[in-house]
């Protein structure tokens, strides 16, 4: 019984050790891919480059991630888990249209500034992203836009307002204002809020701008 117990215990130890090794290898591959995506971009990141940085063979990378979509999904999930993500649920707590725009864009632009290096590479290499991931990003931005649109009255909604809100939530809009032209997040939010407000007012009747802006 003693020898059987020892043998069983040793097998469990070896299995646990192997599981830890596999998990460690998996994470090294993900970390390597994240680093390369954020430094040279997905389009220039190769399996060979990931393998070299992770200290494994190309075959090992393929064993853990059989295709680009699986690898990119793992990288994206890992990177996002380390970020303070935008919180549209908190935006929805603002019933006033202008206040929601201000709160929402402030939160979103904070996320863009914090993740600028990675987000720049990801969006710059848009065509190299897996189709499913491009769809996720497009759906996310549409959701952000719709959350900001919700408190505006029906009378102020138009294709122009939708386009303006879509422009406001775009990473490239933030980057143009803040990275390229050196504005603060606060200034960028103020500019976009003014543009959105003006667009909404132009859709309503003369003299009702305050009602439109404040969603009443």
N, C-alpha and C. Protein backbone atom coordinates (compact mmCIF):
# COMPACT_ATOMS: atom_id res chain seq x y z
N UNK A 1 0.82 -1.20 0.00
CA UNK A 1 0.00 0.00 0.00
C UNK A 1 0.87 1.26 0.00
N UNK A 2 1.95 1.18 0.78
CA UNK A 2 2.83 2.34 0.87
C UNK A 2 3.47 2.65 -0.47
N UNK A 3 3.97 1.58 -1.14
CA UNK A 3 4.60 1.78 -2.45
C UNK A 3 3.59 2.27 -3.48
N UNK A 4 2.38 1.72 -3.42
CA UNK A 4 1.33 2.15 -4.35
C UNK A 4 0.99 3.62 -4.11
N UNK A 5 0.92 4.01 -2.85
CA UNK A 5 0.61 5.39 -2.50
C UNK A 5 1.70 6.33 -3.00
N UNK A 6 2.95 5.91 -2.79
CA UNK A 6 4.08 6.74 -3.24
C UNK A 6 4.07 6.87 -4.76
N UNK A 7 3.81 5.77 -5.45
CA UNK A 7 3.78 5.79 -6.91
C UNK A 7 2.67 6.70 -7.42
N UNK A 8 1.50 6.59 -6.80
CA UNK A 8 0.38 7.45 -7.18
C UNK A 8 0.69 8.91 -6.92
N UNK A 9 1.30 9.18 -5.81
CA UNK A 9 1.66 10.56 -5.45
C UNK A 9 2.68 11.12 -6.43
N UNK A 10 3.63 10.29 -6.83
CA UNK A 10 4.65 10.73 -7.79
C UNK A 10 4.03 11.05 -9.15
N UNK A 11 3.06 10.18 -9.55
CA UNK A 11 2.39 10.42 -10.83
C UNK A 11 1.63 11.74 -10.81
N UNK A 12 0.95 12.01 -9.69
CA UNK A 12 0.20 13.27 -9.57
C UNK A 12 1.16 14.45 -9.61
N UNK A 13 2.31 14.29 -8.95
CA UNK A 13 3.31 15.37 -8.94
C UNK A 13 3.84 15.63 -10.34
N UNK A 14 4.14 14.56 -11.08
CA UNK A 14 4.66 14.71 -12.43
C UNK A 14 3.62 15.35 -13.35
N UNK A 15 2.35 14.94 -13.20
CA UNK A 15 1.28 15.52 -14.01
C UNK A 15 1.11 17.00 -13.70
N UNK A 16 1.18 17.33 -12.40
CA UNK A 16 1.05 18.73 -11.99
C UNK A 16 2.20 19.56 -12.54
N UNK A 17 3.40 18.99 -12.47
CA UNK A 17 4.59 19.69 -12.97
C UNK A 17 4.49 19.91 -14.47
N UNK A 18 4.00 18.89 -15.20
CA UNK A 18 3.87 19.02 -16.65
C UNK A 18 2.80 20.07 -17.00
N UNK A 19 1.72 20.08 -16.23
CA UNK A 19 0.66 21.07 -16.46
C UNK A 19 1.20 22.49 -16.27
N UNK A 20 2.00 22.67 -15.23
CA UNK A 20 2.60 23.98 -14.98
C UNK A 20 3.54 24.37 -16.12
N UNK A 21 4.29 23.40 -16.63
CA UNK A 21 5.21 23.68 -17.73
C UNK A 21 4.45 24.09 -18.99
N UNK A 22 3.37 23.35 -19.28
CA UNK A 22 2.55 23.68 -20.44
C UNK A 22 1.94 25.06 -20.29
N UNK A 23 1.41 25.33 -19.09
CA UNK A 23 0.81 26.63 -18.83
C UNK A 23 1.83 27.75 -18.96
N UNK A 24 3.05 27.50 -18.46
CA UNK A 24 4.11 28.49 -18.55
C UNK A 24 4.52 28.75 -19.98
N UNK A 25 4.62 27.69 -20.77
CA UNK A 25 4.96 27.83 -22.19
C UNK A 25 3.88 28.61 -22.93
N UNK A 26 2.64 28.26 -22.64
CA UNK A 26 1.50 28.94 -23.25
C UNK A 26 1.57 30.44 -22.98
N UNK A 27 1.84 30.80 -21.73
CA UNK A 27 1.88 32.21 -21.37
C UNK A 27 3.07 32.92 -21.99
N UNK A 28 4.21 32.24 -22.10
CA UNK A 28 5.37 32.86 -22.73
C UNK A 28 5.08 33.19 -24.19
N UNK A 29 4.36 32.30 -24.84
CA UNK A 29 4.00 32.53 -26.25
C UNK A 29 3.07 33.74 -26.36
N UNK A 30 2.07 33.78 -25.48
CA UNK A 30 1.14 34.91 -25.49
C UNK A 30 1.88 36.21 -25.20
N UNK A 31 2.74 36.20 -24.19
CA UNK A 31 3.49 37.42 -23.83
C UNK A 31 4.37 37.88 -24.99
N UNK A 32 4.99 36.93 -25.67
CA UNK A 32 5.85 37.27 -26.81
C UNK A 32 5.03 37.90 -27.92
N UNK A 33 3.87 37.31 -28.21
CA UNK A 33 3.03 37.84 -29.27
C UNK A 33 2.51 39.24 -28.92
N UNK A 34 2.11 39.44 -27.68
CA UNK A 34 1.63 40.76 -27.24
C UNK A 34 2.74 41.80 -27.40
N UNK A 35 3.94 41.45 -26.99
CA UNK A 35 5.07 42.38 -27.11
C UNK A 35 5.32 42.75 -28.56
N UNK A 36 5.31 41.78 -29.44
CA UNK A 36 5.56 42.03 -30.86
C UNK A 36 4.41 42.82 -31.50
N UNK A 37 3.18 42.48 -31.15
CA UNK A 37 2.04 43.24 -31.68
C UNK A 37 2.13 44.71 -31.29
N UNK A 38 2.58 44.96 -30.06
CA UNK A 38 2.65 46.33 -29.58
C UNK A 38 3.87 47.10 -30.04
N UNK A 39 4.87 46.39 -30.56
CA UNK A 39 6.10 47.07 -30.98
C UNK A 39 6.24 47.17 -32.50
N UNK A 40 5.94 46.08 -33.21
CA UNK A 40 6.08 46.12 -34.67
C UNK A 40 4.74 45.93 -35.39
N UNK A 41 3.71 45.56 -34.64
CA UNK A 41 2.38 45.42 -35.24
C UNK A 41 2.08 44.00 -35.69
N UNK A 42 0.80 43.65 -35.73
CA UNK A 42 0.40 42.29 -36.15
C UNK A 42 0.87 41.91 -37.55
N UNK A 43 0.88 42.87 -38.47
CA UNK A 43 1.23 42.56 -39.85
C UNK A 43 2.67 42.06 -39.99
N UNK A 44 3.55 42.55 -39.14
CA UNK A 44 4.96 42.17 -39.23
C UNK A 44 5.34 41.09 -38.22
N UNK A 45 4.41 40.69 -37.39
CA UNK A 45 4.67 39.64 -36.41
C UNK A 45 4.54 38.28 -37.07
N UNK A 46 5.57 37.47 -36.95
CA UNK A 46 5.57 36.14 -37.56
C UNK A 46 5.62 35.07 -36.47
N UNK A 47 5.23 33.86 -36.84
CA UNK A 47 5.31 32.74 -35.90
C UNK A 47 6.76 32.50 -35.51
N UNK A 48 7.66 32.65 -36.47
CA UNK A 48 9.08 32.47 -36.18
C UNK A 48 9.55 33.51 -35.16
N UNK A 49 9.10 34.74 -35.33
CA UNK A 49 9.49 35.79 -34.39
C UNK A 49 8.94 35.54 -33.01
N UNK A 50 7.70 35.09 -32.94
CA UNK A 50 7.08 34.78 -31.65
C UNK A 50 7.83 33.63 -30.98
N UNK A 51 8.13 32.59 -31.76
CA UNK A 51 8.84 31.43 -31.21
C UNK A 51 10.20 31.82 -30.65
N UNK A 52 10.92 32.67 -31.40
CA UNK A 52 12.25 33.09 -30.95
C UNK A 52 12.15 33.89 -29.65
N UNK A 53 11.19 34.80 -29.60
CA UNK A 53 11.06 35.64 -28.40
C UNK A 53 10.61 34.83 -27.20
N UNK A 54 9.77 33.82 -27.44
CA UNK A 54 9.27 32.98 -26.34
C UNK A 54 10.25 31.88 -25.95
N UNK A 55 11.27 31.68 -26.77
CA UNK A 55 12.25 30.63 -26.48
C UNK A 55 11.73 29.23 -26.74
N UNK A 56 10.87 29.11 -27.76
CA UNK A 56 10.32 27.80 -28.13
C UNK A 56 10.47 27.60 -29.63
N UNK A 57 10.04 26.45 -30.11
CA UNK A 57 10.08 26.19 -31.54
C UNK A 57 8.77 26.65 -32.19
N UNK A 58 8.80 26.79 -33.50
CA UNK A 58 7.57 27.14 -34.23
C UNK A 58 6.51 26.08 -34.04
N UNK A 59 6.93 24.81 -34.00
CA UNK A 59 5.99 23.71 -33.81
C UNK A 59 5.26 23.85 -32.47
N UNK A 60 6.00 24.28 -31.45
CA UNK A 60 5.39 24.46 -30.14
C UNK A 60 4.33 25.56 -30.18
N UNK A 61 4.62 26.62 -30.90
CA UNK A 61 3.63 27.70 -31.04
C UNK A 61 2.36 27.15 -31.68
N UNK A 62 2.52 26.37 -32.76
CA UNK A 62 1.36 25.82 -33.46
C UNK A 62 0.60 24.81 -32.60
N UNK A 63 1.31 24.11 -31.73
CA UNK A 63 0.64 23.16 -30.84
C UNK A 63 -0.30 23.89 -29.88
N UNK A 64 0.11 25.06 -29.44
CA UNK A 64 -0.71 25.83 -28.52
C UNK A 64 -1.77 26.65 -29.24
N UNK A 65 -1.41 27.13 -30.43
CA UNK A 65 -2.32 27.99 -31.20
C UNK A 65 -2.32 27.53 -32.66
N UNK A 66 -3.31 26.74 -33.05
CA UNK A 66 -3.32 26.15 -34.40
C UNK A 66 -3.51 27.13 -35.54
N UNK A 67 -4.04 28.33 -35.25
CA UNK A 67 -4.23 29.30 -36.33
C UNK A 67 -4.07 30.72 -35.79
N UNK A 68 -4.01 31.68 -36.71
CA UNK A 68 -3.80 33.08 -36.33
C UNK A 68 -4.92 33.62 -35.45
N UNK A 69 -6.14 33.19 -35.72
CA UNK A 69 -7.28 33.69 -34.95
C UNK A 69 -7.19 33.29 -33.48
N UNK A 70 -6.78 32.04 -33.23
CA UNK A 70 -6.64 31.57 -31.86
C UNK A 70 -5.55 32.34 -31.12
N UNK A 71 -4.44 32.58 -31.81
CA UNK A 71 -3.34 33.31 -31.21
C UNK A 71 -3.72 34.76 -30.95
N UNK A 72 -4.35 35.39 -31.93
CA UNK A 72 -4.72 36.80 -31.78
C UNK A 72 -5.76 36.97 -30.67
N UNK A 73 -6.68 36.03 -30.59
CA UNK A 73 -7.71 36.09 -29.55
C UNK A 73 -7.09 36.00 -28.17
N UNK A 74 -6.13 35.11 -28.01
CA UNK A 74 -5.45 34.96 -26.73
C UNK A 74 -4.66 36.22 -26.37
N UNK A 75 -3.99 36.79 -27.36
CA UNK A 75 -3.21 38.01 -27.14
C UNK A 75 -4.12 39.17 -26.75
N UNK A 76 -5.21 39.31 -27.49
CA UNK A 76 -6.14 40.39 -27.23
C UNK A 76 -6.74 40.28 -25.83
N UNK A 77 -7.15 39.08 -25.46
CA UNK A 77 -7.75 38.87 -24.14
C UNK A 77 -6.75 39.17 -23.03
N UNK A 78 -5.51 38.75 -23.24
CA UNK A 78 -4.48 38.98 -22.22
C UNK A 78 -4.19 40.47 -22.08
N UNK A 79 -4.05 41.16 -23.21
CA UNK A 79 -3.75 42.60 -23.14
C UNK A 79 -4.90 43.36 -22.49
N UNK A 80 -6.12 43.05 -22.89
CA UNK A 80 -7.29 43.74 -22.35
C UNK A 80 -7.44 43.49 -20.85
N UNK A 81 -7.04 42.30 -20.40
CA UNK A 81 -7.16 41.98 -18.97
C UNK A 81 -6.25 42.85 -18.12
N UNK A 82 -5.26 43.47 -18.74
CA UNK A 82 -4.32 44.32 -18.02
C UNK A 82 -4.67 45.81 -18.12
N UNK A 83 -5.78 46.12 -18.80
CA UNK A 83 -6.19 47.50 -18.99
C UNK A 83 -7.40 47.85 -18.13
N UNK A 84 -7.57 49.13 -17.87
CA UNK A 84 -8.82 49.61 -17.28
C UNK A 84 -9.74 49.95 -18.44
N UNK A 85 -10.70 49.08 -18.69
CA UNK A 85 -11.54 49.21 -19.87
C UNK A 85 -12.59 50.29 -19.71
N UNK A 86 -13.06 50.86 -20.83
CA UNK A 86 -14.19 51.80 -20.78
C UNK A 86 -15.40 51.10 -20.15
N UNK A 87 -16.25 51.87 -19.48
CA UNK A 87 -17.40 51.30 -18.79
C UNK A 87 -18.69 51.97 -19.25
N UNK A 88 -19.25 51.53 -20.37
CA UNK A 88 -20.48 52.13 -20.90
C UNK A 88 -21.65 52.05 -19.92
N UNK A 89 -21.64 51.07 -19.03
CA UNK A 89 -22.70 50.98 -18.02
C UNK A 89 -22.72 52.22 -17.15
N UNK A 90 -21.55 52.71 -16.81
CA UNK A 90 -21.45 53.93 -16.01
C UNK A 90 -21.91 55.14 -16.82
N UNK A 91 -21.63 55.16 -18.11
CA UNK A 91 -22.09 56.27 -18.95
C UNK A 91 -23.62 56.34 -18.92
N UNK A 92 -24.25 55.17 -18.96
CA UNK A 92 -25.71 55.11 -19.02
C UNK A 92 -26.38 55.71 -17.79
N UNK A 93 -25.61 55.89 -16.74
CA UNK A 93 -26.16 56.51 -15.54
C UNK A 93 -26.44 57.99 -15.72
N UNK A 94 -25.94 58.57 -16.82
CA UNK A 94 -26.15 59.98 -17.12
C UNK A 94 -27.36 60.11 -18.05
N UNK A 95 -28.45 60.67 -17.54
CA UNK A 95 -29.66 60.83 -18.36
C UNK A 95 -29.56 62.02 -19.29
N UNK A 96 -28.76 63.00 -18.92
CA UNK A 96 -28.58 64.19 -19.74
C UNK A 96 -27.66 63.88 -20.92
N UNK A 97 -28.09 64.22 -22.13
CA UNK A 97 -27.34 63.86 -23.34
C UNK A 97 -25.92 64.42 -23.34
N UNK A 98 -25.77 65.70 -23.04
CA UNK A 98 -24.45 66.31 -23.07
C UNK A 98 -23.56 65.74 -21.97
N UNK A 99 -24.12 65.52 -20.79
CA UNK A 99 -23.33 64.95 -19.70
C UNK A 99 -22.89 63.53 -20.04
N UNK A 100 -23.78 62.77 -20.70
CA UNK A 100 -23.38 61.42 -21.08
C UNK A 100 -22.25 61.45 -22.10
N UNK A 101 -22.32 62.33 -23.06
CA UNK A 101 -21.25 62.46 -24.04
C UNK A 101 -19.94 62.80 -23.36
N UNK A 102 -20.00 63.73 -22.42
CA UNK A 102 -18.78 64.16 -21.72
C UNK A 102 -18.18 63.03 -20.89
N UNK A 103 -19.02 62.36 -20.13
CA UNK A 103 -18.55 61.25 -19.29
C UNK A 103 -18.04 60.09 -20.16
N UNK A 104 -18.81 59.76 -21.20
CA UNK A 104 -18.43 58.64 -22.06
C UNK A 104 -17.13 58.87 -22.81
N UNK A 105 -17.01 60.04 -23.43
CA UNK A 105 -15.79 60.32 -24.19
C UNK A 105 -14.58 60.47 -23.27
N UNK A 106 -14.78 61.01 -22.08
CA UNK A 106 -13.66 61.14 -21.13
C UNK A 106 -13.13 59.75 -20.76
N UNK A 107 -14.05 58.83 -20.51
CA UNK A 107 -13.66 57.46 -20.17
C UNK A 107 -12.99 56.78 -21.35
N UNK A 108 -13.55 56.94 -22.53
CA UNK A 108 -13.00 56.30 -23.73
C UNK A 108 -11.64 56.87 -24.10
N UNK A 109 -11.49 58.18 -24.03
CA UNK A 109 -10.22 58.79 -24.39
C UNK A 109 -9.14 58.47 -23.37
N UNK A 110 -9.53 58.27 -22.12
CA UNK A 110 -8.57 57.82 -21.11
C UNK A 110 -8.02 56.44 -21.49
N UNK A 111 -8.91 55.55 -21.92
CA UNK A 111 -8.50 54.23 -22.36
C UNK A 111 -7.59 54.31 -23.59
N UNK A 112 -7.93 55.17 -24.52
CA UNK A 112 -7.11 55.33 -25.72
C UNK A 112 -5.70 55.83 -25.37
N UNK A 113 -5.62 56.78 -24.46
CA UNK A 113 -4.30 57.32 -24.10
C UNK A 113 -3.48 56.25 -23.39
N UNK A 114 -4.10 55.52 -22.46
CA UNK A 114 -3.38 54.48 -21.72
C UNK A 114 -2.87 53.38 -22.65
N UNK A 115 -3.66 53.04 -23.67
CA UNK A 115 -3.29 51.93 -24.55
C UNK A 115 -2.80 52.38 -25.91
N UNK A 116 -2.35 53.61 -26.01
CA UNK A 116 -2.03 54.21 -27.31
C UNK A 116 -1.07 53.36 -28.15
N UNK A 117 0.02 52.89 -27.55
CA UNK A 117 1.03 52.17 -28.33
C UNK A 117 0.44 50.93 -29.00
N UNK A 118 -0.27 50.12 -28.23
CA UNK A 118 -0.86 48.91 -28.79
C UNK A 118 -1.98 49.23 -29.77
N UNK A 119 -2.86 50.14 -29.39
CA UNK A 119 -4.01 50.46 -30.23
C UNK A 119 -3.59 51.05 -31.57
N UNK A 120 -2.54 51.84 -31.57
CA UNK A 120 -2.04 52.40 -32.82
C UNK A 120 -1.60 51.29 -33.77
N UNK A 121 -0.86 50.33 -33.25
CA UNK A 121 -0.39 49.21 -34.08
C UNK A 121 -1.57 48.36 -34.58
N UNK A 122 -2.52 48.12 -33.70
CA UNK A 122 -3.65 47.27 -34.06
C UNK A 122 -4.47 47.93 -35.18
N UNK A 123 -4.83 49.20 -35.00
CA UNK A 123 -5.66 49.87 -36.00
C UNK A 123 -4.88 50.15 -37.29
N UNK A 124 -3.58 50.38 -37.18
CA UNK A 124 -2.77 50.62 -38.38
C UNK A 124 -2.68 49.37 -39.24
N UNK A 125 -2.73 48.20 -38.59
CA UNK A 125 -2.64 46.93 -39.32
C UNK A 125 -4.02 46.28 -39.46
N UNK A 126 -5.03 47.12 -39.65
CA UNK A 126 -6.41 46.65 -39.67
C UNK A 126 -6.63 45.46 -40.61
N UNK A 127 -6.08 45.54 -41.80
CA UNK A 127 -6.30 44.48 -42.79
C UNK A 127 -5.61 43.18 -42.44
N UNK A 128 -4.66 43.24 -41.51
CA UNK A 128 -3.95 42.02 -41.10
C UNK A 128 -4.66 41.32 -39.94
N UNK A 129 -5.67 41.96 -39.36
CA UNK A 129 -6.37 41.36 -38.23
C UNK A 129 -7.32 40.26 -38.72
N UNK A 130 -7.52 39.23 -37.90
CA UNK A 130 -8.53 38.22 -38.24
C UNK A 130 -9.89 38.89 -38.42
N UNK A 131 -10.66 38.38 -39.36
CA UNK A 131 -11.95 38.99 -39.67
C UNK A 131 -12.86 39.09 -38.44
N UNK A 132 -12.85 38.06 -37.62
CA UNK A 132 -13.71 38.05 -36.43
C UNK A 132 -13.32 39.19 -35.48
N UNK A 133 -12.02 39.46 -35.38
CA UNK A 133 -11.59 40.52 -34.47
C UNK A 133 -11.95 41.89 -35.03
N UNK A 134 -11.85 42.06 -36.34
CA UNK A 134 -12.28 43.33 -36.94
C UNK A 134 -13.77 43.55 -36.67
N UNK A 135 -14.54 42.48 -36.79
CA UNK A 135 -15.97 42.59 -36.51
C UNK A 135 -16.24 42.96 -35.06
N UNK A 136 -15.46 42.41 -34.14
CA UNK A 136 -15.63 42.72 -32.72
C UNK A 136 -15.34 44.20 -32.45
N UNK A 137 -14.29 44.71 -33.06
CA UNK A 137 -13.93 46.11 -32.86
C UNK A 137 -15.00 47.03 -33.44
N UNK A 138 -15.50 46.69 -34.61
CA UNK A 138 -16.55 47.50 -35.22
C UNK A 138 -17.83 47.48 -34.38
N UNK A 139 -18.17 46.31 -33.86
CA UNK A 139 -19.37 46.19 -33.02
C UNK A 139 -19.21 46.96 -31.72
N UNK A 140 -18.01 46.93 -31.17
CA UNK A 140 -17.76 47.65 -29.92
C UNK A 140 -17.94 49.15 -30.12
N UNK A 141 -17.37 49.69 -31.21
CA UNK A 141 -17.50 51.12 -31.47
C UNK A 141 -18.95 51.51 -31.74
N UNK A 142 -19.68 50.63 -32.45
CA UNK A 142 -21.10 50.91 -32.70
C UNK A 142 -21.88 50.93 -31.39
N UNK A 143 -21.52 50.05 -30.48
CA UNK A 143 -22.18 50.02 -29.18
C UNK A 143 -21.88 51.29 -28.39
N UNK A 144 -20.63 51.72 -28.40
CA UNK A 144 -20.27 52.98 -27.72
C UNK A 144 -21.09 54.13 -28.30
N UNK A 145 -21.18 54.19 -29.62
CA UNK A 145 -21.94 55.25 -30.28
C UNK A 145 -23.40 55.22 -29.86
N UNK A 146 -23.98 54.03 -29.82
CA UNK A 146 -25.40 53.91 -29.50
C UNK A 146 -25.69 54.28 -28.04
N UNK A 147 -24.76 53.97 -27.15
CA UNK A 147 -24.95 54.36 -25.74
C UNK A 147 -24.96 55.88 -25.62
N UNK A 148 -24.09 56.55 -26.37
CA UNK A 148 -24.05 58.01 -26.33
C UNK A 148 -25.27 58.62 -27.02
N UNK A 149 -25.80 57.95 -28.01
CA UNK A 149 -26.95 58.46 -28.76
C UNK A 149 -28.24 58.38 -27.96
N UNK A 150 -28.36 57.39 -27.10
CA UNK A 150 -29.64 57.06 -26.44
C UNK A 150 -30.39 58.23 -25.82
N UNK A 151 -29.74 59.13 -25.06
CA UNK A 151 -30.52 60.19 -24.41
C UNK A 151 -30.95 61.34 -25.32
N UNK A 152 -30.45 61.38 -26.55
CA UNK A 152 -30.87 62.44 -27.47
C UNK A 152 -32.30 62.17 -27.92
N UNK A 153 -33.13 63.20 -27.99
CA UNK A 153 -34.52 63.02 -28.42
C UNK A 153 -34.58 62.60 -29.89
N UNK A 154 -35.65 61.92 -30.25
CA UNK A 154 -35.82 61.44 -31.62
C UNK A 154 -35.71 62.57 -32.63
N UNK A 155 -36.20 63.75 -32.24
CA UNK A 155 -36.22 64.89 -33.18
C UNK A 155 -34.82 65.34 -33.60
N UNK A 156 -33.80 65.02 -32.78
CA UNK A 156 -32.45 65.49 -33.09
C UNK A 156 -31.61 64.41 -33.78
N UNK A 157 -32.15 63.20 -33.87
CA UNK A 157 -31.37 62.10 -34.44
C UNK A 157 -31.40 62.15 -35.97
N UNK A 158 -30.27 61.96 -36.55
CA UNK A 158 -30.15 61.99 -38.00
C UNK A 158 -28.90 61.23 -38.40
N UNK A 159 -28.72 61.05 -39.71
CA UNK A 159 -27.50 60.42 -40.19
C UNK A 159 -26.28 61.23 -39.80
N UNK A 160 -26.43 62.55 -39.76
CA UNK A 160 -25.31 63.41 -39.38
C UNK A 160 -24.90 63.19 -37.93
N UNK A 161 -25.91 63.07 -37.05
CA UNK A 161 -25.59 62.86 -35.64
C UNK A 161 -24.94 61.50 -35.43
N UNK A 162 -25.45 60.49 -36.11
CA UNK A 162 -24.84 59.17 -36.02
C UNK A 162 -23.39 59.19 -36.50
N UNK A 163 -23.17 59.87 -37.61
CA UNK A 163 -21.82 59.96 -38.16
C UNK A 163 -20.89 60.72 -37.21
N UNK A 164 -21.40 61.77 -36.61
CA UNK A 164 -20.58 62.57 -35.69
C UNK A 164 -20.23 61.78 -34.44
N UNK A 165 -21.19 61.03 -33.92
CA UNK A 165 -20.91 60.21 -32.75
C UNK A 165 -19.94 59.08 -33.09
N UNK A 166 -20.09 58.49 -34.27
CA UNK A 166 -19.16 57.45 -34.71
C UNK A 166 -17.74 58.01 -34.83
N UNK A 167 -17.66 59.23 -35.34
CA UNK A 167 -16.36 59.90 -35.45
C UNK A 167 -15.76 60.16 -34.07
N UNK A 168 -16.62 60.55 -33.13
CA UNK A 168 -16.14 60.89 -31.79
C UNK A 168 -15.57 59.69 -31.05
N UNK A 169 -16.16 58.50 -31.24
CA UNK A 169 -15.69 57.33 -30.50
C UNK A 169 -14.53 56.62 -31.20
N UNK A 170 -14.14 57.08 -32.38
CA UNK A 170 -13.05 56.45 -33.11
C UNK A 170 -11.69 56.72 -32.44
N UNK A 171 -10.87 55.69 -32.40
CA UNK A 171 -9.51 55.85 -31.87
C UNK A 171 -8.73 56.87 -32.67
N UNK A 172 -8.91 56.88 -34.00
CA UNK A 172 -8.15 57.79 -34.85
C UNK A 172 -8.53 59.25 -34.59
N UNK A 173 -9.77 59.50 -34.19
CA UNK A 173 -10.16 60.86 -33.84
C UNK A 173 -9.38 61.32 -32.61
N UNK A 174 -9.35 60.46 -31.59
CA UNK A 174 -8.58 60.81 -30.39
C UNK A 174 -7.11 61.01 -30.75
N UNK A 175 -6.56 60.13 -31.56
CA UNK A 175 -5.13 60.21 -31.87
C UNK A 175 -4.79 61.48 -32.65
N UNK A 176 -5.68 61.84 -33.58
CA UNK A 176 -5.45 63.06 -34.34
C UNK A 176 -5.44 64.29 -33.43
N UNK A 177 -6.40 64.36 -32.53
CA UNK A 177 -6.50 65.53 -31.66
C UNK A 177 -5.41 65.56 -30.60
N UNK A 178 -5.17 64.42 -29.98
CA UNK A 178 -4.29 64.40 -28.81
C UNK A 178 -2.84 64.03 -29.12
N UNK A 179 -2.63 63.01 -29.92
CA UNK A 179 -1.26 62.62 -30.25
C UNK A 179 -0.66 63.53 -31.31
N UNK A 180 -1.38 63.72 -32.42
CA UNK A 180 -0.83 64.50 -33.53
C UNK A 180 -0.80 66.00 -33.24
N UNK A 181 -1.81 66.49 -32.52
CA UNK A 181 -1.92 67.94 -32.30
C UNK A 181 -1.72 68.36 -30.85
N UNK A 182 -1.41 67.42 -29.99
CA UNK A 182 -0.99 67.74 -28.63
C UNK A 182 -2.05 68.21 -27.67
N UNK A 183 -3.32 67.98 -27.99
CA UNK A 183 -4.38 68.40 -27.07
C UNK A 183 -4.47 67.46 -25.87
N UNK A 184 -5.00 67.98 -24.79
CA UNK A 184 -5.28 67.13 -23.64
C UNK A 184 -6.57 66.36 -23.91
N UNK A 185 -6.80 65.31 -23.12
CA UNK A 185 -8.06 64.59 -23.25
C UNK A 185 -9.24 65.51 -22.99
N UNK A 186 -9.10 66.38 -22.01
CA UNK A 186 -10.18 67.31 -21.65
C UNK A 186 -10.54 68.20 -22.84
N UNK A 187 -9.52 68.74 -23.50
CA UNK A 187 -9.77 69.61 -24.65
C UNK A 187 -10.43 68.84 -25.79
N UNK A 188 -9.96 67.60 -26.01
CA UNK A 188 -10.53 66.79 -27.08
C UNK A 188 -12.00 66.47 -26.81
N UNK A 189 -12.32 66.16 -25.57
CA UNK A 189 -13.71 65.89 -25.19
C UNK A 189 -14.57 67.13 -25.39
N UNK A 190 -14.03 68.27 -25.00
CA UNK A 190 -14.78 69.52 -25.13
C UNK A 190 -15.07 69.84 -26.60
N UNK A 191 -14.08 69.65 -27.45
CA UNK A 191 -14.26 69.92 -28.88
C UNK A 191 -15.30 68.98 -29.48
N UNK A 192 -15.19 67.69 -29.18
CA UNK A 192 -16.12 66.73 -29.76
C UNK A 192 -17.53 66.91 -29.18
N UNK A 193 -17.63 67.28 -27.92
CA UNK A 193 -18.94 67.53 -27.32
C UNK A 193 -19.63 68.72 -27.99
N UNK A 194 -18.84 69.74 -28.29
CA UNK A 194 -19.39 70.91 -28.98
C UNK A 194 -19.86 70.54 -30.38
N UNK A 195 -19.07 69.75 -31.08
CA UNK A 195 -19.45 69.32 -32.43
C UNK A 195 -20.73 68.48 -32.40
N UNK A 196 -20.81 67.56 -31.44
CA UNK A 196 -21.99 66.70 -31.32
C UNK A 196 -23.22 67.54 -30.98
N UNK A 197 -23.05 68.48 -30.06
CA UNK A 197 -24.16 69.34 -29.66
C UNK A 197 -24.66 70.18 -30.83
N UNK A 198 -23.73 70.76 -31.56
CA UNK A 198 -24.10 71.59 -32.72
C UNK A 198 -24.84 70.76 -33.76
N UNK A 199 -24.37 69.54 -33.98
CA UNK A 199 -25.02 68.66 -34.95
C UNK A 199 -26.44 68.31 -34.50
N UNK A 200 -26.60 68.03 -33.21
CA UNK A 200 -27.93 67.70 -32.69
C UNK A 200 -28.87 68.90 -32.77
N UNK A 201 -28.36 70.09 -32.45
CA UNK A 201 -29.19 71.31 -32.48
C UNK A 201 -29.63 71.64 -33.89
N UNK A 202 -28.76 71.41 -34.86
CA UNK A 202 -29.08 71.75 -36.25
C UNK A 202 -30.26 70.93 -36.77
N UNK A 203 -30.51 69.81 -36.13
CA UNK A 203 -31.60 68.93 -36.55
C UNK A 203 -32.94 69.38 -35.96
N UNK A 204 -32.88 70.14 -34.85
CA UNK A 204 -34.11 70.54 -34.16
C UNK A 204 -34.62 71.89 -34.62
N UNK A 205 -35.73 72.29 -34.04
CA UNK A 205 -36.33 73.58 -34.38
C UNK A 205 -35.52 74.71 -33.77
N UNK A 206 -35.57 75.86 -34.41
CA UNK A 206 -34.87 77.04 -33.92
C UNK A 206 -35.43 77.39 -32.54
N UNK A 207 -34.51 77.65 -31.60
CA UNK A 207 -34.94 78.05 -30.27
C UNK A 207 -35.12 76.89 -29.32
N UNK A 208 -34.85 75.65 -29.77
CA UNK A 208 -35.03 74.51 -28.89
C UNK A 208 -33.69 73.82 -28.59
N UNK A 209 -32.60 74.53 -28.80
CA UNK A 209 -31.29 73.91 -28.66
C UNK A 209 -31.05 73.39 -27.26
N UNK A 210 -31.50 74.10 -26.24
CA UNK A 210 -31.25 73.65 -24.88
C UNK A 210 -31.98 72.34 -24.61
N UNK A 211 -33.20 72.22 -25.12
CA UNK A 211 -33.96 70.99 -24.94
C UNK A 211 -33.27 69.82 -25.64
N UNK A 212 -32.74 70.09 -26.84
CA UNK A 212 -32.07 69.03 -27.60
C UNK A 212 -30.81 68.59 -26.91
N UNK A 213 -30.00 69.52 -26.50
CA UNK A 213 -28.74 69.19 -25.85
C UNK A 213 -28.96 68.38 -24.58
N UNK A 214 -30.00 68.75 -23.83
CA UNK A 214 -30.23 68.09 -22.55
C UNK A 214 -31.26 66.99 -22.64
N UNK A 215 -31.61 66.57 -23.85
CA UNK A 215 -32.43 65.41 -24.03
C UNK A 215 -33.86 65.58 -23.57
N UNK A 216 -34.41 66.77 -23.62
CA UNK A 216 -35.77 66.98 -23.18
C UNK A 216 -36.62 67.55 -24.30
